[in-house]
């Protein structure tokens, strides 16, 4: 499997958001990365709604 075709800057931002190492982000299958991003967004939205 080849690494994701994303820039180093994007990989760093994703790494910070998902709290995963950059190397893991770069070698993660695209469908899993999208799933983890949607889960992180859902958790963020839930946290915001609980603050109100």
PDB file of N, CA and C in Angstrom:
ATOM      1  N   UNK A   1       0.848  -1.167   0.000  1.00  0.00           N
ATOM      2  CA  UNK A   1       0.000   0.000   0.000  1.00  0.00           C
ATOM      3  C   UNK A   1       0.895   1.232   0.000  1.00  0.00           C
ATOM      4  N   UNK A   2       0.563   2.193  -0.834  1.00  0.00           N
ATOM      5  CA  UNK A   2       1.371   3.405  -0.886  1.00  0.00           C
ATOM      6  C   UNK A   2       0.848   4.443   0.107  1.00  0.00           C
ATOM      7  N   UNK A   3       1.719   5.330   0.557  1.00  0.00           N
ATOM      8  CA  UNK A   3       1.301   6.361   1.525  1.00  0.00           C
ATOM      9  C   UNK A   3       0.246   7.292   0.923  1.00  0.00           C
ATOM     10  N   UNK A   4      -0.499   7.949   1.792  1.00  0.00           N
ATOM     11  CA  UNK A   4      -1.494   8.921   1.346  1.00  0.00           C
ATOM     12  C   UNK A   4      -0.811  10.045   0.582  1.00  0.00           C
ATOM     13  N   UNK A   5      -1.486  10.590  -0.376  1.00  0.00           N
ATOM     14  CA  UNK A   5      -0.946  11.680  -1.170  1.00  0.00           C
ATOM     15  C   UNK A   5      -1.366  13.015  -0.558  1.00  0.00           C
ATOM     16  N   UNK A   6      -0.821  13.313   0.624  1.00  0.00           N
ATOM     17  CA  UNK A   6      -1.105  14.564   1.314  1.00  0.00           C
ATOM     18  C   UNK A   6       0.215  15.242   1.645  1.00  0.00           C
ATOM     19  N   UNK A   7       0.157  16.538   1.846  1.00  0.00           N
ATOM     20  CA  UNK A   7       1.368  17.282   2.166  1.00  0.00           C
ATOM     21  C   UNK A   7       1.791  17.017   3.608  1.00  0.00           C
ATOM     22  N   UNK A   8       3.024  17.343   3.902  1.00  0.00           N
ATOM     23  CA  UNK A   8       3.544  17.170   5.259  1.00  0.00           C
ATOM     24  C   UNK A   8       2.774  18.063   6.237  1.00  0.00           C
ATOM     25  N   UNK A   9       2.414  19.254   5.791  1.00  0.00           N
ATOM     26  CA  UNK A   9       1.660  20.182   6.644  1.00  0.00           C
ATOM     27  C   UNK A   9       0.285  19.611   6.989  1.00  0.00           C
ATOM     28  N   UNK A  10      -0.370  19.032   6.012  1.00  0.00           N
ATOM     29  CA  UNK A  10      -1.677  18.413   6.243  1.00  0.00           C
ATOM     30  C   UNK A  10      -1.539  17.232   7.188  1.00  0.00           C
ATOM     31  N   UNK A  11      -0.506  16.436   7.005  1.00  0.00           N
ATOM     32  CA  UNK A  11      -0.272  15.283   7.875  1.00  0.00           C
ATOM     33  C   UNK A  11      -0.064  15.733   9.318  1.00  0.00           C
ATOM     34  N   UNK A  12       0.665  16.819   9.512  1.00  0.00           N
ATOM     35  CA  UNK A  12       0.889  17.336  10.859  1.00  0.00           C
ATOM     36  C   UNK A  12      -0.418  17.805  11.507  1.00  0.00           C
ATOM     37  N   UNK A  13      -1.248  18.505  10.731  1.00  0.00           N
ATOM     38  CA  UNK A  13      -2.530  18.976  11.264  1.00  0.00           C
ATOM     39  C   UNK A  13      -3.430  17.807  11.627  1.00  0.00           C
ATOM     40  N   UNK A  14      -3.475  16.793  10.769  1.00  0.00           N
ATOM     41  CA  UNK A  14      -4.279  15.607  11.061  1.00  0.00           C
ATOM     42  C   UNK A  14      -3.747  14.872  12.280  1.00  0.00           C
ATOM     43  N   UNK A  15      -2.434  14.817  12.398  1.00  0.00           N
ATOM     44  CA  UNK A  15      -1.802  14.150  13.530  1.00  0.00           C
ATOM     45  C   UNK A  15      -2.192  14.826  14.842  1.00  0.00           C
ATOM     46  N   UNK A  16      -2.187  16.142  14.852  1.00  0.00           N
ATOM     47  CA  UNK A  16      -2.573  16.882  16.052  1.00  0.00           C
ATOM     48  C   UNK A  16      -4.050  16.684  16.376  1.00  0.00           C
ATOM     49  N   UNK A  17      -4.886  16.726  15.348  1.00  0.00           N
ATOM     50  CA  UNK A  17      -6.332  16.596  15.572  1.00  0.00           C
ATOM     51  C   UNK A  17      -6.699  15.201  16.060  1.00  0.00           C
ATOM     52  N   UNK A  18      -6.091  14.172  15.461  1.00  0.00           N
ATOM     53  CA  UNK A  18      -6.432  12.789  15.814  1.00  0.00           C
ATOM     54  C   UNK A  18      -5.571  12.225  16.933  1.00  0.00           C
ATOM     55  N   UNK A  19      -4.564  12.991  17.348  1.00  0.00           N
ATOM     56  CA  UNK A  19      -3.640  12.555  18.404  1.00  0.00           C
ATOM     57  C   UNK A  19      -2.991  11.214  18.058  1.00  0.00           C
ATOM     58  N   UNK A  20      -2.470  11.155  16.822  1.00  0.00           N
ATOM     59  CA  UNK A  20      -1.770   9.974  16.322  1.00  0.00           C
ATOM     60  C   UNK A  20      -0.438  10.411  15.738  1.00  0.00           C
ATOM     61  N   UNK A  21       0.548   9.516  15.708  1.00  0.00           N
ATOM     62  CA  UNK A  21       1.836   9.866  15.090  1.00  0.00           C
ATOM     63  C   UNK A  21       1.684  10.145  13.591  1.00  0.00           C
ATOM     64  N   UNK A  22       2.516  11.031  13.078  1.00  0.00           N
ATOM     65  CA  UNK A  22       2.469  11.400  11.658  1.00  0.00           C
ATOM     66  C   UNK A  22       2.682  10.169  10.778  1.00  0.00           C
ATOM     67  N   UNK A  23       3.592   9.295  11.173  1.00  0.00           N
ATOM     68  CA  UNK A  23       3.875   8.100  10.385  1.00  0.00           C
ATOM     69  C   UNK A  23       2.628   7.229  10.241  1.00  0.00           C
ATOM     70  N   UNK A  24       1.862   7.141  11.313  1.00  0.00           N
ATOM     71  CA  UNK A  24       0.640   6.340  11.271  1.00  0.00           C
ATOM     72  C   UNK A  24      -0.388   6.991  10.346  1.00  0.00           C
ATOM     73  N   UNK A  25      -0.470   8.311  10.374  1.00  0.00           N
ATOM     74  CA  UNK A  25      -1.389   9.029   9.495  1.00  0.00           C
ATOM     75  C   UNK A  25      -1.020   8.777   8.037  1.00  0.00           C
ATOM     76  N   UNK A  26       0.265   8.884   7.714  1.00  0.00           N
ATOM     77  CA  UNK A  26       0.710   8.743   6.329  1.00  0.00           C
ATOM     78  C   UNK A  26       0.461   7.348   5.760  1.00  0.00           C
ATOM     79  N   UNK A  27       0.479   6.338   6.593  1.00  0.00           N
ATOM     80  CA  UNK A  27       0.328   4.965   6.111  1.00  0.00           C
ATOM     81  C   UNK A  27      -1.047   4.373   6.413  1.00  0.00           C
ATOM     82  N   UNK A  28      -1.963   5.207   6.862  1.00  0.00           N
ATOM     83  CA  UNK A  28      -3.313   4.747   7.183  1.00  0.00           C
ATOM     84  C   UNK A  28      -4.133   4.686   5.887  1.00  0.00           C
ATOM     85  N   UNK A  29      -4.905   3.627   5.702  1.00  0.00           N
ATOM     86  CA  UNK A  29      -5.793   3.586   4.528  1.00  0.00           C
ATOM     87  C   UNK A  29      -6.758   4.768   4.549  1.00  0.00           C
ATOM     88  N   UNK A  30      -7.060   5.267   3.371  1.00  0.00           N
ATOM     89  CA  UNK A  30      -7.872   6.472   3.256  1.00  0.00           C
ATOM     90  C   UNK A  30      -9.242   6.317   3.911  1.00  0.00           C
ATOM     91  N   UNK A  31      -9.887   5.184   3.746  1.00  0.00           N
ATOM     92  CA  UNK A  31     -11.233   5.017   4.304  1.00  0.00           C
ATOM     93  C   UNK A  31     -11.214   5.024   5.830  1.00  0.00           C
ATOM     94  N   UNK A  32     -10.143   4.537   6.429  1.00  0.00           N
ATOM     95  CA  UNK A  32     -10.033   4.555   7.888  1.00  0.00           C
ATOM     96  C   UNK A  32      -9.770   5.980   8.371  1.00  0.00           C
ATOM     97  N   UNK A  33      -8.930   6.700   7.650  1.00  0.00           N
ATOM     98  CA  UNK A  33      -8.652   8.091   8.010  1.00  0.00           C
ATOM     99  C   UNK A  33      -9.929   8.926   7.963  1.00  0.00           C
ATOM    100  N   UNK A  34     -10.733   8.734   6.937  1.00  0.00           N
ATOM    101  CA  UNK A  34     -11.986   9.482   6.822  1.00  0.00           C
ATOM    102  C   UNK A  34     -12.925   9.127   7.971  1.00  0.00           C
ATOM    103  N   UNK A  35     -12.979   7.859   8.340  1.00  0.00           N
ATOM    104  CA  UNK A  35     -13.830   7.435   9.455  1.00  0.00           C
ATOM    105  C   UNK A  35     -13.362   8.081  10.757  1.00  0.00           C
ATOM    106  N   UNK A  36     -12.047   8.084  11.009  1.00  0.00           N
ATOM    107  CA  UNK A  36     -11.520   8.681  12.240  1.00  0.00           C
ATOM    108  C   UNK A  36     -11.782  10.183  12.273  1.00  0.00           C
ATOM    109  N   UNK A  37     -11.680  10.846  11.131  1.00  0.00           N
ATOM    110  CA  UNK A  37     -11.961  12.278  11.077  1.00  0.00           C
ATOM    111  C   UNK A  37     -13.431  12.567  11.370  1.00  0.00           C
ATOM    112  N   UNK A  38     -14.310  11.751  10.817  1.00  0.00           N
ATOM    113  CA  UNK A  38     -15.732  11.976  11.085  1.00  0.00           C
ATOM    114  C   UNK A  38     -16.061  11.710  12.550  1.00  0.00           C
ATOM    115  N   UNK A  39     -15.422  10.718  13.158  1.00  0.00           N
ATOM    116  CA  UNK A  39     -15.629  10.453  14.587  1.00  0.00           C
ATOM    117  C   UNK A  39     -15.124  11.620  15.430  1.00  0.00           C
ATOM    118  N   UNK A  40     -13.967  12.171  15.066  1.00  0.00           N
ATOM    119  CA  UNK A  40     -13.407  13.301  15.805  1.00  0.00           C
ATOM    120  C   UNK A  40     -14.306  14.531  15.672  1.00  0.00           C
ATOM    121  N   UNK A  41     -14.836  14.759  14.476  1.00  0.00           N
ATOM    122  CA  UNK A  41     -15.748  15.892  14.282  1.00  0.00           C
ATOM    123  C   UNK A  41     -17.029  15.717  15.075  1.00  0.00           C
ATOM    124  N   UNK A  42     -17.552  14.507  15.111  1.00  0.00           N
ATOM    125  CA  UNK A  42     -18.772  14.242  15.874  1.00  0.00           C
ATOM    126  C   UNK A  42     -18.537  14.480  17.364  1.00  0.00           C
ATOM    127  N   UNK A  43     -17.399  14.045  17.869  1.00  0.00           N
ATOM    128  CA  UNK A  43     -17.080  14.252  19.278  1.00  0.00           C
ATOM    129  C   UNK A  43     -16.921  15.744  19.578  1.00  0.00           C
ATOM    130  N   UNK A  44     -16.311  16.472  18.650  1.00  0.00           N
ATOM    131  CA  UNK A  44     -16.126  17.911  18.821  1.00  0.00           C
ATOM    132  C   UNK A  44     -17.471  18.631  18.825  1.00  0.00           C
ATOM    133  N   UNK A  45     -18.369  18.244  17.932  1.00  0.00           N
ATOM    134  CA  UNK A  45     -19.696  18.850  17.884  1.00  0.00           C
ATOM    135  C   UNK A  45     -20.480  18.558  19.160  1.00  0.00           C
ATOM    136  N   UNK A  46     -20.345  17.349  19.670  1.00  0.00           N
ATOM    137  CA  UNK A  46     -21.045  16.977  20.902  1.00  0.00           C
ATOM    138  C   UNK A  46     -20.510  17.798  22.080  1.00  0.00           C
ATOM    139  N   UNK A  47     -19.204  17.983  22.129  1.00  0.00           N
ATOM    140  CA  UNK A  47     -18.610  18.771  23.205  1.00  0.00           C
ATOM    141  C   UNK A  47     -19.094  20.234  23.130  1.00  0.00           C
ATOM    142  N   UNK A  48     -19.200  20.763  21.930  1.00  0.00           N
ATOM    143  CA  UNK A  48     -19.678  22.134  21.781  1.00  0.00           C
ATOM    144  C   UNK A  48     -21.130  22.261  22.205  1.00  0.00           C
ATOM    145  N   UNK A  49     -21.948  21.269  21.866  1.00  0.00           N
ATOM    146  CA  UNK A  49     -23.366  21.336  22.220  1.00  0.00           C
ATOM    147  C   UNK A  49     -23.569  21.179  23.737  1.00  0.00           C
ATOM    148  N   UNK A  50     -22.683  20.471  24.393  1.00  0.00           N
ATOM    149  CA  UNK A  50     -22.777  20.303  25.848  1.00  0.00           C
ATOM    150  C   UNK A  50     -22.374  21.575  26.584  1.00  0.00           C
ATOM    151  N   UNK A  51     -21.527  22.399  25.952  1.00  0.00           N
ATOM    152  CA  UNK A  51     -21.088  23.654  26.569  1.00  0.00           C
ATOM    153  C   UNK A  51     -22.222  24.659  26.648  1.00  0.00           C
ATOM    154  N   UNK A  52     -23.144  24.600  25.707  1.00  0.00           N
ATOM    155  CA  UNK A  52     -24.226  25.606  25.653  1.00  0.00           C
ATOM    156  C   UNK A  52     -25.258  25.402  26.700  1.00  0.00           C
TER     157      UNK A  52
END
